[in-house]
Amino acid sequence: MIETREALRNMQAIIETPGIDGLFVGPSDLSIELSGGVTFDPQLSNVEQALDVVAQVAHKAGKIAGVNCSSVDRAVDFSKRGFQFLGVSSDIKILHSGTVAVLNILKRQ
């Protein structure tokens, strides 16, 4: 997990650790860290830049770059930027949206 300044500084050592297959980033948590706890914005420019570096370090080492994605659109963007492991949304959000979709269909019947 790359979610702190320390992890960003030590990415090379992390990726070279035997048994490590890749780097995974939570952009929201990283935004809290990089803003000094001031904001929760996974699309801050310094977060976006850090994400690109994470992908580059992983690829250069022949490892997997992974990222948590808040939406399908973000997942598509991250895929284009070289991330191969995409955690899209969360189980609760997916269950909620699926339930809402079913209920909306039933209400129309």
PDB file of N, CA and C in Angstrom:
ATOM      1  N   MET A   1       0.851  -1.181   0.000  1.00  0.00           N
ATOM      2  CA  MET A   1       0.000   0.000   0.000  1.00  0.00           C
ATOM      3  C   MET A   1       0.896   1.244   0.000  1.00  0.00           C
ATOM      4  N   ILE A   2       0.626   2.094  -0.933  1.00  0.00           N
ATOM      5  CA  ILE A   2       1.356   3.355  -1.028  1.00  0.00           C
ATOM      6  C   ILE A   2       0.369   4.468  -0.687  1.00  0.00           C
ATOM      7  N   GLU A   3       0.358   4.859   0.585  1.00  0.00           N
ATOM      8  CA  GLU A   3      -0.605   5.865   1.037  1.00  0.00           C
ATOM      9  C   GLU A   3       0.014   6.902   1.962  1.00  0.00           C
ATOM     10  N   THR A   4       1.332   6.882   2.080  1.00  0.00           N
ATOM     11  CA  THR A   4       2.016   7.846   2.941  1.00  0.00           C
ATOM     12  C   THR A   4       3.232   8.405   2.221  1.00  0.00           C
ATOM     13  N   ARG A   5       3.728   9.527   2.734  1.00  0.00           N
ATOM     14  CA  ARG A   5       4.964  10.095   2.171  1.00  0.00           C
ATOM     15  C   ARG A   5       6.110   9.092   2.314  1.00  0.00           C
ATOM     16  N   GLU A   6       6.134   8.413   3.450  1.00  0.00           N
ATOM     17  CA  GLU A   6       7.193   7.432   3.683  1.00  0.00           C
ATOM     18  C   GLU A   6       7.149   6.311   2.640  1.00  0.00           C
ATOM     19  N   ALA A   7       5.951   5.829   2.347  1.00  0.00           N
ATOM     20  CA  ALA A   7       5.814   4.782   1.332  1.00  0.00           C
ATOM     21  C   ALA A   7       6.232   5.292  -0.041  1.00  0.00           C
ATOM     22  N   LEU A   8       5.876   6.540  -0.363  1.00  0.00           N
ATOM     23  CA  LEU A   8       6.301   7.118  -1.645  1.00  0.00           C
ATOM     24  C   LEU A   8       7.823   7.188  -1.732  1.00  0.00           C
ATOM     25  N   ARG A   9       8.459   7.601  -0.629  1.00  0.00           N
ATOM     26  CA  ARG A   9       9.936   7.687  -0.618  1.00  0.00           C
ATOM     27  C   ARG A   9      10.587   6.316  -0.736  1.00  0.00           C
ATOM     28  N   ASN A  10       9.911   5.290  -0.244  1.00  0.00           N
ATOM     29  CA  ASN A  10      10.502   3.949  -0.176  1.00  0.00           C
ATOM     30  C   ASN A  10       9.937   2.976  -1.204  1.00  0.00           C
ATOM     31  N   MET A  11       9.274   3.488  -2.234  1.00  0.00           N
ATOM     32  CA  MET A  11       8.653   2.608  -3.233  1.00  0.00           C
ATOM     33  C   MET A  11       9.633   1.634  -3.866  1.00  0.00           C
ATOM     34  N   GLN A  12      10.819   2.114  -4.184  1.00  0.00           N
ATOM     35  CA  GLN A  12      11.790   1.247  -4.849  1.00  0.00           C
ATOM     36  C   GLN A  12      12.167   0.080  -3.939  1.00  0.00           C
ATOM     37  N   ALA A  13      12.426   0.358  -2.688  1.00  0.00           N
ATOM     38  CA  ALA A  13      12.761  -0.715  -1.741  1.00  0.00           C
ATOM     39  C   ALA A  13      11.578  -1.651  -1.545  1.00  0.00           C
ATOM     40  N   ILE A  14      10.377  -1.084  -1.515  1.00  0.00           N
ATOM     41  CA  ILE A  14       9.173  -1.906  -1.342  1.00  0.00           C
ATOM     42  C   ILE A  14       9.026  -2.859  -2.523  1.00  0.00           C
ATOM     43  N   ILE A  15       9.131  -2.336  -3.737  1.00  0.00           N
ATOM     44  CA  ILE A  15       8.898  -3.154  -4.929  1.00  0.00           C
ATOM     45  C   ILE A  15       9.998  -4.194  -5.117  1.00  0.00           C
ATOM     46  N   GLU A  16      11.180  -3.944  -4.554  1.00  0.00           N
ATOM     47  CA  GLU A  16      12.281  -4.905  -4.655  1.00  0.00           C
ATOM     48  C   GLU A  16      12.263  -5.947  -3.548  1.00  0.00           C
ATOM     49  N   THR A  17      11.337  -5.842  -2.617  1.00  0.00           N
ATOM     50  CA  THR A  17      11.249  -6.806  -1.520  1.00  0.00           C
ATOM     51  C   THR A  17      10.778  -8.154  -2.067  1.00  0.00           C
ATOM     52  N   PRO A  18      11.512  -9.226  -1.782  1.00  0.00           N
ATOM     53  CA  PRO A  18      11.084 -10.550  -2.262  1.00  0.00           C
ATOM     54  C   PRO A  18       9.647 -10.860  -1.822  1.00  0.00           C
ATOM     55  N   GLY A  19       8.881 -11.371  -2.771  1.00  0.00           N
ATOM     56  CA  GLY A  19       7.493 -11.730  -2.494  1.00  0.00           C
ATOM     57  C   GLY A  19       6.486 -10.636  -2.780  1.00  0.00           C
ATOM     58  N   ILE A  20       6.953  -9.426  -3.037  1.00  0.00           N
ATOM     59  CA  ILE A  20       6.043  -8.322  -3.371  1.00  0.00           C
ATOM     60  C   ILE A  20       5.768  -8.365  -4.867  1.00  0.00           C
ATOM     61  N   ASP A  21       4.488  -8.443  -5.218  1.00  0.00           N
ATOM     62  CA  ASP A  21       4.094  -8.559  -6.625  1.00  0.00           C
ATOM     63  C   ASP A  21       3.660  -7.245  -7.250  1.00  0.00           C
ATOM     64  N   GLY A  22       3.469  -6.213  -6.424  1.00  0.00           N
ATOM     65  CA  GLY A  22       3.026  -4.947  -6.984  1.00  0.00           C
ATOM     66  C   GLY A  22       2.856  -3.883  -5.927  1.00  0.00           C
ATOM     67  N   LEU A  23       2.415  -2.724  -6.402  1.00  0.00           N
ATOM     68  CA  LEU A  23       2.134  -1.592  -5.538  1.00  0.00           C
ATOM     69  C   LEU A  23       0.662  -1.252  -5.683  1.00  0.00           C
ATOM     70  N   PHE A  24       0.013  -0.947  -4.577  1.00  0.00           N
ATOM     71  CA  PHE A  24      -1.411  -0.598  -4.598  1.00  0.00           C
ATOM     72  C   PHE A  24      -1.593   0.726  -3.876  1.00  0.00           C
ATOM     73  N   VAL A  25      -2.400   1.600  -4.457  1.00  0.00           N
ATOM     74  CA  VAL A  25      -2.605   2.940  -3.911  1.00  0.00           C
ATOM     75  C   VAL A  25      -4.081   3.180  -3.622  1.00  0.00           C
ATOM     76  N   GLY A  26      -4.335   3.804  -2.484  1.00  0.00           N
ATOM     77  CA  GLY A  26      -5.650   4.344  -2.163  1.00  0.00           C
ATOM     78  C   GLY A  26      -5.554   5.850  -2.328  1.00  0.00           C
ATOM     79  N   PRO A  27      -6.013   6.401  -3.458  1.00  0.00           N
ATOM     80  CA  PRO A  27      -5.847   7.834  -3.713  1.00  0.00           C
ATOM     81  C   PRO A  27      -6.479   8.736  -2.657  1.00  0.00           C
ATOM     82  N   SER A  28      -7.602   8.323  -2.090  1.00  0.00           N
ATOM     83  CA  SER A  28      -8.244   9.159  -1.074  1.00  0.00           C
ATOM     84  C   SER A  28      -7.372   9.268   0.165  1.00  0.00           C
ATOM     85  N   ASP A  29      -6.879   8.134   0.650  1.00  0.00           N
ATOM     86  CA  ASP A  29      -5.998   8.159   1.818  1.00  0.00           C
ATOM     87  C   ASP A  29      -4.717   8.918   1.506  1.00  0.00           C
ATOM     88  N   LEU A  30      -4.194   8.745   0.304  1.00  0.00           N
ATOM     89  CA  LEU A  30      -2.984   9.465  -0.078  1.00  0.00           C
ATOM     90  C   LEU A  30      -3.243  10.968  -0.099  1.00  0.00           C
ATOM     91  N   SER A  31      -4.435  11.382  -0.513  1.00  0.00           N
ATOM     92  CA  SER A  31      -4.752  12.817  -0.536  1.00  0.00           C
ATOM     93  C   SER A  31      -4.779  13.405   0.870  1.00  0.00           C
ATOM     94  N   ILE A  32      -5.275  12.642   1.820  1.00  0.00           N
ATOM     95  CA  ILE A  32      -5.282  13.118   3.209  1.00  0.00           C
ATOM     96  C   ILE A  32      -3.847  13.310   3.686  1.00  0.00           C
ATOM     97  N   GLU A  33      -3.005  12.332   3.392  1.00  0.00           N
ATOM     98  CA  GLU A  33      -1.596  12.400   3.790  1.00  0.00           C
ATOM     99  C   GLU A  33      -0.882  13.567   3.125  1.00  0.00           C
ATOM    100  N   LEU A  34      -1.030  13.701   1.805  1.00  0.00           N
ATOM    101  CA  LEU A  34      -0.282  14.727   1.076  1.00  0.00           C
ATOM    102  C   LEU A  34      -0.792  16.142   1.347  1.00  0.00           C
ATOM    103  N   SER A  35      -2.029  16.262   1.832  1.00  0.00           N
ATOM    104  CA  SER A  35      -2.556  17.589   2.174  1.00  0.00           C
ATOM    105  C   SER A  35      -2.352  17.907   3.651  1.00  0.00           C
ATOM    106  N   GLY A  36      -1.668  17.032   4.356  1.00  0.00           N
ATOM    107  CA  GLY A  36      -1.451  17.251   5.777  1.00  0.00           C
ATOM    108  C   GLY A  36      -2.726  17.150   6.586  1.00  0.00           C
ATOM    109  N   GLY A  37      -3.660  16.342   6.077  1.00  0.00           N
ATOM    110  CA  GLY A  37      -4.926  16.150   6.776  1.00  0.00           C
ATOM    111  C   GLY A  37      -5.951  17.238   6.531  1.00  0.00           C
ATOM    112  N   VAL A  38      -5.653  18.134   5.601  1.00  0.00           N
ATOM    113  CA  VAL A  38      -6.539  19.269   5.339  1.00  0.00           C
ATOM    114  C   VAL A  38      -7.710  18.898   4.436  1.00  0.00           C
ATOM    115  N   THR A  39      -7.478  17.991   3.487  1.00  0.00           N
ATOM    116  CA  THR A  39      -8.537  17.699   2.521  1.00  0.00           C
ATOM    117  C   THR A  39      -8.579  16.223   2.144  1.00  0.00           C
ATOM    118  N   PHE A  40      -9.728  15.846   1.637  1.00  0.00           N
ATOM    119  CA  PHE A  40      -9.990  14.499   1.154  1.00  0.00           C
ATOM    120  C   PHE A  40     -10.370  14.655  -0.316  1.00  0.00           C
ATOM    121  N   ASP A  41      -9.357  14.670  -1.182  1.00  0.00           N
ATOM    122  CA  ASP A  41      -9.595  14.883  -2.610  1.00  0.00           C
ATOM    123  C   ASP A  41      -8.615  14.033  -3.413  1.00  0.00           C
ATOM    124  N   PRO A  42      -9.067  12.843  -3.845  1.00  0.00           N
ATOM    125  CA  PRO A  42      -8.171  11.947  -4.568  1.00  0.00           C
ATOM    126  C   PRO A  42      -7.728  12.455  -5.935  1.00  0.00           C
ATOM    127  N   GLN A  43      -8.253  13.605  -6.356  1.00  0.00           N
ATOM    128  CA  GLN A  43      -7.858  14.135  -7.655  1.00  0.00           C
ATOM    129  C   GLN A  43      -6.975  15.378  -7.539  1.00  0.00           C
ATOM    130  N   LEU A  44      -6.401  15.597  -6.357  1.00  0.00           N
ATOM    131  CA  LEU A  44      -5.442  16.686  -6.206  1.00  0.00           C
ATOM    132  C   LEU A  44      -4.287  16.467  -7.181  1.00  0.00           C
ATOM    133  N   SER A  45      -3.723  17.546  -7.680  1.00  0.00           N
ATOM    134  CA  SER A  45      -2.663  17.405  -8.683  1.00  0.00           C
ATOM    135  C   SER A  45      -1.466  16.629  -8.136  1.00  0.00           C
ATOM    136  N   ASN A  46      -1.078  16.851  -6.875  1.00  0.00           N
ATOM    137  CA  ASN A  46       0.069  16.114  -6.353  1.00  0.00           C
ATOM    138  C   ASN A  46      -0.248  14.636  -6.135  1.00  0.00           C
ATOM    139  N   VAL A  47      -1.508  14.312  -5.899  1.00  0.00           N
ATOM    140  CA  VAL A  47      -1.916  12.905  -5.799  1.00  0.00           C
ATOM    141  C   VAL A  47      -1.859  12.266  -7.178  1.00  0.00           C
ATOM    142  N   GLU A  48      -2.373  12.959  -8.174  1.00  0.00           N
ATOM    143  CA  GLU A  48      -2.348  12.450  -9.547  1.00  0.00           C
ATOM    144  C   GLU A  48      -0.910  12.205 -10.009  1.00  0.00           C
ATOM    145  N   GLN A  49      -0.017  13.129  -9.681  1.00  0.00           N
ATOM    146  CA  GLN A  49       1.393  12.968 -10.046  1.00  0.00           C
ATOM    147  C   GLN A  49       2.005  11.762  -9.337  1.00  0.00           C
ATOM    148  N   ALA A  50       1.693  11.605  -8.061  1.00  0.00           N
ATOM    149  CA  ALA A  50       2.218  10.469  -7.292  1.00  0.00           C
ATOM    150  C   ALA A  50       1.710   9.153  -7.869  1.00  0.00           C
ATOM    151  N   LEU A  51       0.454   9.127  -8.291  1.00  0.00           N
ATOM    152  CA  LEU A  51      -0.116   7.914  -8.882  1.00  0.00           C
ATOM    153  C   LEU A  51       0.643   7.512 -10.142  1.00  0.00           C
ATOM    154  N   ASP A  52       0.974   8.483 -10.963  1.00  0.00           N
ATOM    155  CA  ASP A  52       1.727   8.176 -12.183  1.00  0.00           C
ATOM    156  C   ASP A  52       3.106   7.611 -11.852  1.00  0.00           C
ATOM    157  N   VAL A  53       3.738   8.149 -10.818  1.00  0.00           N
ATOM    158  CA  VAL A  53       5.046   7.640 -10.402  1.00  0.00           C
ATOM    159  C   VAL A  53       4.921   6.208  -9.893  1.00  0.00           C
ATOM    160  N   VAL A  54       3.886   5.929  -9.122  1.00  0.00           N
ATOM    161  CA  VAL A  54       3.665   4.564  -8.624  1.00  0.00           C
ATOM    162  C   VAL A  54       3.555   3.591  -9.792  1.00  0.00           C
ATOM    163  N   ALA A  55       2.754   3.948 -10.796  1.00  0.00           N
ATOM    164  CA  ALA A  55       2.597   3.073 -11.964  1.00  0.00           C
ATOM    165  C   ALA A  55       3.928   2.872 -12.673  1.00  0.00           C
ATOM    166  N   GLN A  56       4.706   3.937 -12.819  1.00  0.00           N
ATOM    167  CA  GLN A  56       6.000   3.842 -13.501  1.00  0.00           C
ATOM    168  C   GLN A  56       6.970   2.939 -12.742  1.00  0.00           C
ATOM    169  N   VAL A  57       7.030   3.091 -11.421  1.00  0.00           N
ATOM    170  CA  VAL A  57       7.939   2.280 -10.610  1.00  0.00           C
ATOM    171  C   VAL A  57       7.551   0.807 -10.699  1.00  0.00           C
ATOM    172  N   ALA A  58       6.269   0.527 -10.596  1.00  0.00           N
ATOM    173  CA  ALA A  58       5.806  -0.865 -10.676  1.00  0.00           C
ATOM    174  C   ALA A  58       6.142  -1.463 -12.034  1.00  0.00           C
ATOM    175  N   HIS A  59       5.837  -0.754 -13.098  1.00  0.00           N
ATOM    176  CA  HIS A  59       6.093  -1.272 -14.445  1.00  0.00           C
ATOM    177  C   HIS A  59       7.581  -1.478 -14.703  1.00  0.00           C
ATOM    178  N   LYS A  60       8.394  -0.529 -14.268  1.00  0.00           N
ATOM    179  CA  LYS A  60       9.843  -0.647 -14.463  1.00  0.00           C
ATOM    180  C   LYS A  60      10.389  -1.897 -13.777  1.00  0.00           C
ATOM    181  N   ALA A  61       9.764  -2.264 -12.660  1.00  0.00           N
ATOM    182  CA  ALA A  61      10.199  -3.453 -11.918  1.00  0.00           C
ATOM    183  C   ALA A  61       9.528  -4.729 -12.439  1.00  0.00           C
ATOM    184  N   GLY A  62       8.658  -4.582 -13.447  1.00  0.00           N
ATOM    185  CA  GLY A  62       7.946  -5.743 -13.977  1.00  0.00           C
ATOM    186  C   GLY A  62       6.872  -6.251 -13.034  1.00  0.00           C
ATOM    187  N   LYS A  63       6.337  -5.345 -12.225  1.00  0.00           N
ATOM    188  CA  LYS A  63       5.319  -5.707 -11.234  1.00  0.00           C
ATOM    189  C   LYS A  63       3.990  -5.038 -11.583  1.00  0.00           C
ATOM    190  N   ILE A  64       2.985  -5.317 -10.786  1.00  0.00           N
ATOM    191  CA  ILE A  64       1.629  -4.829 -11.019  1.00  0.00           C
ATOM    192  C   ILE A  64       1.412  -3.498 -10.305  1.00  0.00           C
ATOM    193  N   ALA A  65       0.752  -2.577 -10.996  1.00  0.00           N
ATOM    194  CA  ALA A  65       0.331  -1.317 -10.394  1.00  0.00           C
ATOM    195  C   ALA A  65      -1.168  -1.423 -10.132  1.00  0.00           C
ATOM    196  N   GLY A  66      -1.556  -1.180  -8.890  1.00  0.00           N
ATOM    197  CA  GLY A  66      -2.962  -1.265  -8.523  1.00  0.00           C
ATOM    198  C   GLY A  66      -3.445   0.009  -7.861  1.00  0.00           C
ATOM    199  N   VAL A  67      -4.737   0.256  -7.998  1.00  0.00           N
ATOM    200  CA  VAL A  67      -5.313   1.484  -7.438  1.00  0.00           C
ATOM    201  C   VAL A  67      -6.785   1.265  -7.107  1.00  0.00           C
ATOM    202  N   ASN A  68      -7.219   1.905  -6.041  1.00  0.00           N
ATOM    203  CA  ASN A  68      -8.629   1.899  -5.701  1.00  0.00           C
ATOM    204  C   ASN A  68      -9.316   3.006  -6.494  1.00  0.00           C
ATOM    205  N   CYS A  69     -10.436   2.689  -7.125  1.00  0.00           N
ATOM    206  CA  CYS A  69     -11.129   3.629  -8.005  1.00  0.00           C
ATOM    207  C   CYS A  69     -12.515   3.937  -7.441  1.00  0.00           C
ATOM    208  N   SER A  70     -12.845   5.215  -7.379  1.00  0.00           N
ATOM    209  CA  SER A  70     -14.136   5.617  -6.830  1.00  0.00           C
ATOM    210  C   SER A  70     -15.283   5.449  -7.821  1.00  0.00           C
ATOM    211  N   SER A  71     -14.958   5.236  -9.091  1.00  0.00           N
ATOM    212  CA  SER A  71     -16.009   5.091 -10.100  1.00  0.00           C
ATOM    213  C   SER A  71     -15.460   4.302 -11.294  1.00  0.00           C
ATOM    214  N   VAL A  72     -16.359   3.888 -12.152  1.00  0.00           N
ATOM    215  CA  VAL A  72     -15.952   3.191 -13.372  1.00  0.00           C
ATOM    216  C   VAL A  72     -15.147   4.133 -14.267  1.00  0.00           C
ATOM    217  N   ASP A  73     -15.560   5.395 -14.338  1.00  0.00           N
ATOM    218  CA  ASP A  73     -14.821   6.365 -15.154  1.00  0.00           C
ATOM    219  C   ASP A  73     -13.382   6.502 -14.680  1.00  0.00           C
ATOM    220  N   ARG A  74     -13.188   6.551 -13.362  1.00  0.00           N
ATOM    221  CA  ARG A  74     -11.818   6.629 -12.832  1.00  0.00           C
ATOM    222  C   ARG A  74     -11.052   5.351 -13.160  1.00  0.00           C
ATOM    223  N   ALA A  75     -11.728   4.213 -13.096  1.00  0.00           N
ATOM    224  CA  ALA A  75     -11.066   2.944 -13.423  1.00  0.00           C
ATOM    225  C   ALA A  75     -10.585   2.946 -14.866  1.00  0.00           C
ATOM    226  N   VAL A  76     -11.404   3.433 -15.763  1.00  0.00           N
ATOM    227  CA  VAL A  76     -11.010   3.515 -17.179  1.00  0.00           C
ATOM    228  C   VAL A  76      -9.796   4.430 -17.327  1.00  0.00           C
ATOM    229  N   ASP A  77      -9.833   5.567 -16.653  1.00  0.00           N
ATOM    230  CA  ASP A  77      -8.705   6.503 -16.703  1.00  0.00           C
ATOM    231  C   ASP A  77      -7.430   5.850 -16.164  1.00  0.00           C
ATOM    232  N   PHE A  78      -7.540   5.192 -15.014  1.00  0.00           N
ATOM    233  CA  PHE A  78      -6.363   4.553 -14.430  1.00  0.00           C
ATOM    234  C   PHE A  78      -5.837   3.423 -15.318  1.00  0.00           C
ATOM    235  N   SER A  79      -6.722   2.707 -15.952  1.00  0.00           N
ATOM    236  CA  SER A  79      -6.304   1.645 -16.861  1.00  0.00           C
ATOM    237  C   SER A  79      -5.470   2.232 -18.004  1.00  0.00           C
ATOM    238  N   LYS A  80      -5.916   3.339 -18.544  1.00  0.00           N
ATOM    239  CA  LYS A  80      -5.183   4.004 -19.624  1.00  0.00           C
ATOM    240  C   LYS A  80      -3.833   4.528 -19.150  1.00  0.00           C
ATOM    241  N   ARG A  81      -3.733   4.798 -17.846  1.00  0.00           N
ATOM    242  CA  ARG A  81      -2.483   5.321 -17.273  1.00  0.00           C
ATOM    243  C   ARG A  81      -1.552   4.206 -16.822  1.00  0.00           C
ATOM    244  N   GLY A  82      -1.941   2.946 -17.083  1.00  0.00           N
ATOM    245  CA  GLY A  82      -1.031   1.840 -16.820  1.00  0.00           C
ATOM    246  C   GLY A  82      -1.331   1.005 -15.593  1.00  0.00           C
ATOM    247  N   PHE A  83      -2.387   1.315 -14.883  1.00  0.00           N
ATOM    248  CA  PHE A  83      -2.746   0.489 -13.731  1.00  0.00           C
ATOM    249  C   PHE A  83      -3.447  -0.769 -14.230  1.00  0.00           C
ATOM    250  N   GLN A  84      -3.049  -1.906 -13.688  1.00  0.00           N
ATOM    251  CA  GLN A  84      -3.598  -3.187 -14.137  1.00  0.00           C
ATOM    252  C   GLN A  84      -4.572  -3.799 -13.146  1.00  0.00           C
ATOM    253  N   PHE A  85      -4.438  -3.471 -11.878  1.00  0.00           N
ATOM    254  CA  PHE A  85      -5.324  -4.010 -10.846  1.00  0.00           C
ATOM    255  C   PHE A  85      -6.187  -2.856 -10.365  1.00  0.00           C
ATOM    256  N   LEU A  86      -7.492  -2.946 -10.656  1.00  0.00           N
ATOM    257  CA  LEU A  86      -8.405  -1.846 -10.381  1.00  0.00           C
ATOM    258  C   LEU A  86      -9.477  -2.279  -9.392  1.00  0.00           C
ATOM    259  N   GLY A  87      -9.436  -1.699  -8.210  1.00  0.00           N
ATOM    260  CA  GLY A  87     -10.500  -1.922  -7.236  1.00  0.00           C
ATOM    261  C   GLY A  87     -11.554  -0.862  -7.474  1.00  0.00           C
ATOM    262  N   VAL A  88     -12.700  -1.261  -8.006  1.00  0.00           N
ATOM    263  CA  VAL A  88     -13.718  -0.288  -8.400  1.00  0.00           C
ATOM    264  C   VAL A  88     -14.817  -0.217  -7.352  1.00  0.00           C
ATOM    265  N   SER A  89     -15.010   0.989  -6.824  1.00  0.00           N
ATOM    266  CA  SER A  89     -16.053   1.261  -5.844  1.00  0.00           C
ATOM    267  C   SER A  89     -15.794   0.472  -4.565  1.00  0.00           C
ATOM    268  N   SER A  90     -16.872   0.051  -3.913  1.00  0.00           N
ATOM    269  CA  SER A  90     -16.751  -0.777  -2.715  1.00  0.00           C
ATOM    270  C   SER A  90     -17.926  -1.746  -2.699  1.00  0.00           C
ATOM    271  N   ASP A  91     -17.808  -2.786  -1.907  1.00  0.00           N
ATOM    272  CA  ASP A  91     -18.887  -3.771  -1.876  1.00  0.00           C
ATOM    273  C   ASP A  91     -20.204  -3.144  -1.435  1.00  0.00           C
ATOM    274  N   ILE A  92     -20.158  -2.256  -0.465  1.00  0.00           N
ATOM    275  CA  ILE A  92     -21.384  -1.615   0.022  1.00  0.00           C
ATOM    276  C   ILE A  92     -22.010  -0.751  -1.063  1.00  0.00           C
ATOM    277  N   LYS A  93     -21.189   0.034  -1.766  1.00  0.00           N
ATOM    278  CA  LYS A  93     -21.726   0.896  -2.831  1.00  0.00           C
ATOM    279  C   LYS A  93     -22.307   0.064  -3.965  1.00  0.00           C
ATOM    280  N   ILE A  94     -21.648  -1.020  -4.330  1.00  0.00           N
ATOM    281  CA  ILE A  94     -22.149  -1.871  -5.404  1.00  0.00           C
ATOM    282  C   ILE A  94     -23.459  -2.529  -4.996  1.00  0.00           C
ATOM    283  N   LEU A  95     -23.536  -3.043  -3.768  1.00  0.00           N
ATOM    284  CA  LEU A  95     -24.788  -3.632  -3.280  1.00  0.00           C
ATOM    285  C   LEU A  95     -25.899  -2.593  -3.241  1.00  0.00           C
ATOM    286  N   HIS A  96     -25.565  -1.392  -2.797  1.00  0.00           N
ATOM    287  CA  HIS A  96     -26.564  -0.332  -2.727  1.00  0.00           C
ATOM    288  C   HIS A  96     -27.083   0.030  -4.117  1.00  0.00           C
ATOM    289  N   SER A  97     -26.174   0.259  -5.063  1.00  0.00           N
ATOM    290  CA  SER A  97     -26.616   0.659  -6.408  1.00  0.00           C
ATOM    291  C   SER A  97     -27.405  -0.452  -7.084  1.00  0.00           C
ATOM    292  N   GLY A  98     -27.017  -1.698  -6.865  1.00  0.00           N
ATOM    293  CA  GLY A  98     -27.777  -2.815  -7.426  1.00  0.00           C
ATOM    294  C   GLY A  98     -29.163  -2.905  -6.822  1.00  0.00           C
ATOM    295  N   THR A  99     -29.257  -2.704  -5.529  1.00  0.00           N
ATOM    296  CA  THR A  99     -30.555  -2.743  -4.848  1.00  0.00           C
ATOM    297  C   THR A  99     -31.448  -1.612  -5.334  1.00  0.00           C
ATOM    298  N   VAL A 100     -30.894  -0.425  -5.465  1.00  0.00           N
ATOM    299  CA  VAL A 100     -31.667   0.719  -5.962  1.00  0.00           C
ATOM    300  C   VAL A 100     -32.164   0.438  -7.376  1.00  0.00           C
ATOM    301  N   ALA A 101     -31.326  -0.142  -8.222  1.00  0.00           N
ATOM    302  CA  ALA A 101     -31.729  -0.451  -9.600  1.00  0.00           C
ATOM    303  C   ALA A 101     -32.898  -1.450  -9.599  1.00  0.00           C
ATOM    304  N   VAL A 102     -32.823  -2.489  -8.777  1.00  0.00           N
ATOM    305  CA  VAL A 102     -33.907  -3.472  -8.700  1.00  0.00           C
ATOM    306  C   VAL A 102     -35.195  -2.808  -8.207  1.00  0.00           C
ATOM    307  N   LEU A 103     -35.091  -2.012  -7.152  1.00  0.00           N
ATOM    308  CA  LEU A 103     -36.276  -1.347  -6.606  1.00  0.00           C
ATOM    309  C   LEU A 103     -36.910  -0.398  -7.618  1.00  0.00           C
ATOM    310  N   ASN A 104     -36.075   0.324  -8.372  1.00  0.00           N
ATOM    311  CA  ASN A 104     -36.615   1.218  -9.396  1.00  0.00           C
ATOM    312  C   ASN A 104     -37.362   0.451 -10.475  1.00  0.00           C
ATOM    313  N   ILE A 105     -36.856  -0.686 -10.873  1.00  0.00           N
ATOM    314  CA  ILE A 105     -37.539  -1.525 -11.874  1.00  0.00           C
ATOM    315  C   ILE A 105     -38.883  -2.005 -11.304  1.00  0.00           C
ATOM    316  N   LEU A 106     -38.867  -2.478 -10.071  1.00  0.00           N
ATOM    317  CA  LEU A 106     -40.103  -2.971  -9.464  1.00  0.00           C
ATOM    318  C   LEU A 106     -41.133  -1.874  -9.260  1.00  0.00           C
ATOM    319  N   LYS A 107     -40.714  -0.673  -8.971  1.00  0.00           N
ATOM    320  CA  LYS A 107     -41.649   0.448  -8.789  1.00  0.00           C
ATOM    321  C   LYS A 107     -42.377   0.764 -10.088  1.00  0.00           C
ATOM    322  N   ARG A 108     -41.724   0.532 -11.214  1.00  0.00           N
ATOM    323  CA  ARG A 108     -42.353   0.834 -12.509  1.00  0.00           C
ATOM    324  C   ARG A 108     -43.373  -0.231 -12.907  1.00  0.00           C
ATOM    325  N   GLN A 109     -43.345  -1.374 -12.247  1.00  0.00           N
ATOM    326  CA  GLN A 109     -44.252  -2.472 -12.617  1.00  0.00           C
ATOM    327  C   GLN A 109     -45.637  -2.290 -12.060  1.00  0.00           C
TER     328      GLN A 109
END
